[in-house]
Amino acid sequence: MNLILGWLRAFGRFWYGFIVGDDWTLAATVVVALVATWWLHTAGIAAWWVVPFAAAGALGVSLGRAGA
């Protein structure tokens, strides 16, 4: 049983590190953009543009904070 729990814990840590990585704000921005896209789509509005603009904006903010 401990082997299974250890494997599940390692699996969860991998995905947390892979998705969140070094900057949790980028991951949160992507989640918010996907929810906004879904919400606009259900309202009948073409929302394909939300995620690319959110990603570009979040990348710009992240690079600005890094000083690049």
N, C-alpha and C. Protein backbone atom coordinates (compact mmCIF):
# COMPACT_ATOMS: atom_id res chain seq x y z
N MET A 1 0.81 -1.19 0.00
CA MET A 1 0.00 0.00 0.00
C MET A 1 0.86 1.26 0.00
N ASN A 2 1.96 1.25 0.76
CA ASN A 2 2.85 2.41 0.80
C ASN A 2 3.51 2.67 -0.54
N LEU A 3 3.75 1.60 -1.29
CA LEU A 3 4.34 1.75 -2.62
C LEU A 3 3.38 2.49 -3.54
N ILE A 4 2.12 2.16 -3.47
CA ILE A 4 1.12 2.82 -4.32
C ILE A 4 0.97 4.28 -3.91
N LEU A 5 0.91 4.57 -2.62
CA LEU A 5 0.80 5.96 -2.16
C LEU A 5 2.03 6.77 -2.53
N GLY A 6 3.20 6.16 -2.43
CA GLY A 6 4.42 6.86 -2.83
C GLY A 6 4.43 7.16 -4.32
N TRP A 7 3.93 6.20 -5.12
CA TRP A 7 3.87 6.41 -6.56
C TRP A 7 2.88 7.52 -6.88
N LEU A 8 1.73 7.52 -6.23
CA LEU A 8 0.74 8.57 -6.47
C LEU A 8 1.27 9.94 -6.06
N ARG A 9 1.98 9.99 -4.95
CA ARG A 9 2.56 11.25 -4.49
C ARG A 9 3.59 11.77 -5.50
N ALA A 10 4.44 10.88 -5.98
CA ALA A 10 5.45 11.27 -6.98
C ALA A 10 4.78 11.71 -8.28
N PHE A 11 3.74 11.02 -8.67
CA PHE A 11 3.00 11.38 -9.88
C PHE A 11 2.40 12.77 -9.76
N GLY A 12 1.79 13.06 -8.60
CA GLY A 12 1.22 14.38 -8.35
C GLY A 12 2.28 15.47 -8.33
N ARG A 13 3.43 15.20 -7.72
CA ARG A 13 4.51 16.18 -7.68
C ARG A 13 5.05 16.46 -9.08
N PHE A 14 5.16 15.41 -9.91
CA PHE A 14 5.62 15.62 -11.27
C PHE A 14 4.69 16.55 -12.02
N TRP A 15 3.38 16.28 -11.97
CA TRP A 15 2.44 17.10 -12.72
C TRP A 15 2.36 18.51 -12.17
N TYR A 16 2.47 18.68 -10.87
CA TYR A 16 2.49 20.02 -10.29
C TYR A 16 3.71 20.79 -10.80
N GLY A 17 4.87 20.15 -10.77
CA GLY A 17 6.09 20.80 -11.26
C GLY A 17 6.05 21.06 -12.75
N PHE A 18 5.44 20.16 -13.50
CA PHE A 18 5.37 20.31 -14.96
C PHE A 18 4.41 21.41 -15.36
N ILE A 19 3.25 21.48 -14.72
CA ILE A 19 2.23 22.46 -15.10
C ILE A 19 2.52 23.82 -14.46
N VAL A 20 2.78 23.85 -13.19
CA VAL A 20 3.00 25.12 -12.50
C VAL A 20 4.42 25.61 -12.73
N GLY A 21 5.39 24.73 -12.62
CA GLY A 21 6.78 25.10 -12.86
C GLY A 21 7.28 26.16 -11.90
N ASP A 22 8.02 27.13 -12.44
CA ASP A 22 8.61 28.16 -11.61
C ASP A 22 7.67 29.32 -11.33
N ASP A 23 6.67 29.52 -12.19
CA ASP A 23 5.83 30.70 -12.07
C ASP A 23 4.36 30.28 -12.06
N TRP A 24 3.75 30.30 -10.89
CA TRP A 24 2.36 29.86 -10.77
C TRP A 24 1.41 30.83 -11.47
N THR A 25 1.82 32.08 -11.66
CA THR A 25 0.93 33.04 -12.30
C THR A 25 0.68 32.70 -13.76
N LEU A 26 1.66 32.12 -14.43
CA LEU A 26 1.45 31.71 -15.82
C LEU A 26 0.42 30.58 -15.89
N ALA A 27 0.53 29.62 -14.98
CA ALA A 27 -0.43 28.52 -14.96
C ALA A 27 -1.83 29.04 -14.63
N ALA A 28 -1.93 29.97 -13.70
CA ALA A 28 -3.23 30.53 -13.35
C ALA A 28 -3.81 31.32 -14.51
N THR A 29 -2.97 32.03 -15.25
CA THR A 29 -3.44 32.79 -16.40
C THR A 29 -4.01 31.87 -17.46
N VAL A 30 -3.35 30.75 -17.70
CA VAL A 30 -3.84 29.80 -18.69
C VAL A 30 -5.19 29.23 -18.26
N VAL A 31 -5.32 28.89 -16.99
CA VAL A 31 -6.60 28.36 -16.50
C VAL A 31 -7.70 29.39 -16.66
N VAL A 32 -7.44 30.63 -16.28
CA VAL A 32 -8.44 31.69 -16.41
C VAL A 32 -8.79 31.91 -17.88
N ALA A 33 -7.79 31.89 -18.76
CA ALA A 33 -8.05 32.09 -20.19
C ALA A 33 -8.90 30.95 -20.75
N LEU A 34 -8.64 29.73 -20.34
CA LEU A 34 -9.44 28.60 -20.82
C LEU A 34 -10.88 28.69 -20.32
N VAL A 35 -11.06 29.09 -19.07
CA VAL A 35 -12.42 29.25 -18.54
C VAL A 35 -13.14 30.39 -19.27
N ALA A 36 -12.42 31.48 -19.52
CA ALA A 36 -13.04 32.60 -20.24
C ALA A 36 -13.41 32.19 -21.66
N THR A 37 -12.56 31.40 -22.30
CA THR A 37 -12.87 30.91 -23.65
C THR A 37 -14.11 30.04 -23.64
N TRP A 38 -14.20 29.14 -22.68
CA TRP A 38 -15.37 28.27 -22.57
C TRP A 38 -16.63 29.10 -22.34
N TRP A 39 -16.53 30.08 -21.43
CA TRP A 39 -17.69 30.91 -21.10
C TRP A 39 -18.16 31.71 -22.32
N LEU A 40 -17.22 32.30 -23.05
CA LEU A 40 -17.59 33.05 -24.25
C LEU A 40 -18.16 32.13 -25.32
N HIS A 41 -17.61 30.94 -25.44
CA HIS A 41 -18.11 29.98 -26.42
C HIS A 41 -19.55 29.57 -26.11
N THR A 42 -19.84 29.33 -24.84
CA THR A 42 -21.21 28.95 -24.48
C THR A 42 -22.18 30.11 -24.68
N ALA A 43 -21.66 31.35 -24.69
CA ALA A 43 -22.50 32.52 -24.95
C ALA A 43 -22.67 32.77 -26.45
N GLY A 44 -22.03 31.95 -27.27
CA GLY A 44 -22.16 32.09 -28.71
C GLY A 44 -21.19 33.07 -29.34
N ILE A 45 -20.13 33.41 -28.64
CA ILE A 45 -19.13 34.35 -29.14
C ILE A 45 -17.88 33.57 -29.55
N ALA A 46 -17.35 33.87 -30.73
CA ALA A 46 -16.11 33.23 -31.17
C ALA A 46 -14.97 33.71 -30.26
N ALA A 47 -14.37 32.78 -29.55
CA ALA A 47 -13.39 33.16 -28.54
C ALA A 47 -12.04 32.48 -28.73
N TRP A 48 -11.71 32.12 -29.95
CA TRP A 48 -10.44 31.43 -30.21
C TRP A 48 -9.24 32.31 -29.87
N TRP A 49 -9.42 33.60 -29.84
CA TRP A 49 -8.35 34.56 -29.66
C TRP A 49 -7.97 34.79 -28.20
N VAL A 50 -8.78 34.32 -27.25
CA VAL A 50 -8.54 34.64 -25.84
C VAL A 50 -7.25 34.02 -25.33
N VAL A 51 -7.04 32.73 -25.58
CA VAL A 51 -5.87 32.05 -25.04
C VAL A 51 -4.56 32.60 -25.63
N PRO A 52 -4.45 32.81 -26.96
CA PRO A 52 -3.19 33.37 -27.46
C PRO A 52 -2.88 34.76 -26.89
N PHE A 53 -3.89 35.62 -26.77
CA PHE A 53 -3.64 36.95 -26.21
C PHE A 53 -3.28 36.86 -24.73
N ALA A 54 -3.93 35.99 -24.00
CA ALA A 54 -3.61 35.84 -22.57
C ALA A 54 -2.20 35.28 -22.40
N ALA A 55 -1.83 34.32 -23.23
CA ALA A 55 -0.48 33.74 -23.13
C ALA A 55 0.58 34.78 -23.47
N ALA A 56 0.34 35.56 -24.52
CA ALA A 56 1.30 36.60 -24.90
C ALA A 56 1.41 37.67 -23.81
N GLY A 57 0.29 38.07 -23.24
CA GLY A 57 0.31 39.05 -22.16
C GLY A 57 1.02 38.53 -20.92
N ALA A 58 0.73 37.29 -20.55
CA ALA A 58 1.37 36.71 -19.37
C ALA A 58 2.87 36.53 -19.58
N LEU A 59 3.25 36.17 -20.80
CA LEU A 59 4.67 36.03 -21.11
C LEU A 59 5.37 37.38 -21.02
N GLY A 60 4.73 38.43 -21.54
CA GLY A 60 5.31 39.76 -21.43
C GLY A 60 5.49 40.21 -20.00
N VAL A 61 4.48 39.97 -19.18
CA VAL A 61 4.57 40.34 -17.75
C VAL A 61 5.66 39.54 -17.07
N SER A 62 5.75 38.25 -17.37
CA SER A 62 6.75 37.40 -16.75
C SER A 62 8.17 37.83 -17.15
N LEU A 63 8.35 38.15 -18.43
CA LEU A 63 9.67 38.61 -18.87
C LEU A 63 10.01 39.97 -18.27
N GLY A 64 9.01 40.82 -18.11
CA GLY A 64 9.24 42.11 -17.47
C GLY A 64 9.70 41.96 -16.03
N ARG A 65 9.09 41.00 -15.31
CA ARG A 65 9.50 40.77 -13.93
C ARG A 65 10.89 40.17 -13.84
N ALA A 66 11.27 39.39 -14.87
CA ALA A 66 12.59 38.76 -14.87
C ALA A 66 13.68 39.74 -15.27
N GLY A 67 13.28 40.88 -15.83
CA GLY A 67 14.26 41.88 -16.21
C GLY A 67 14.86 41.65 -17.59
N ALA A 68 14.20 40.83 -18.39
CA ALA A 68 14.74 40.54 -19.72
C ALA A 68 14.20 41.50 -20.75
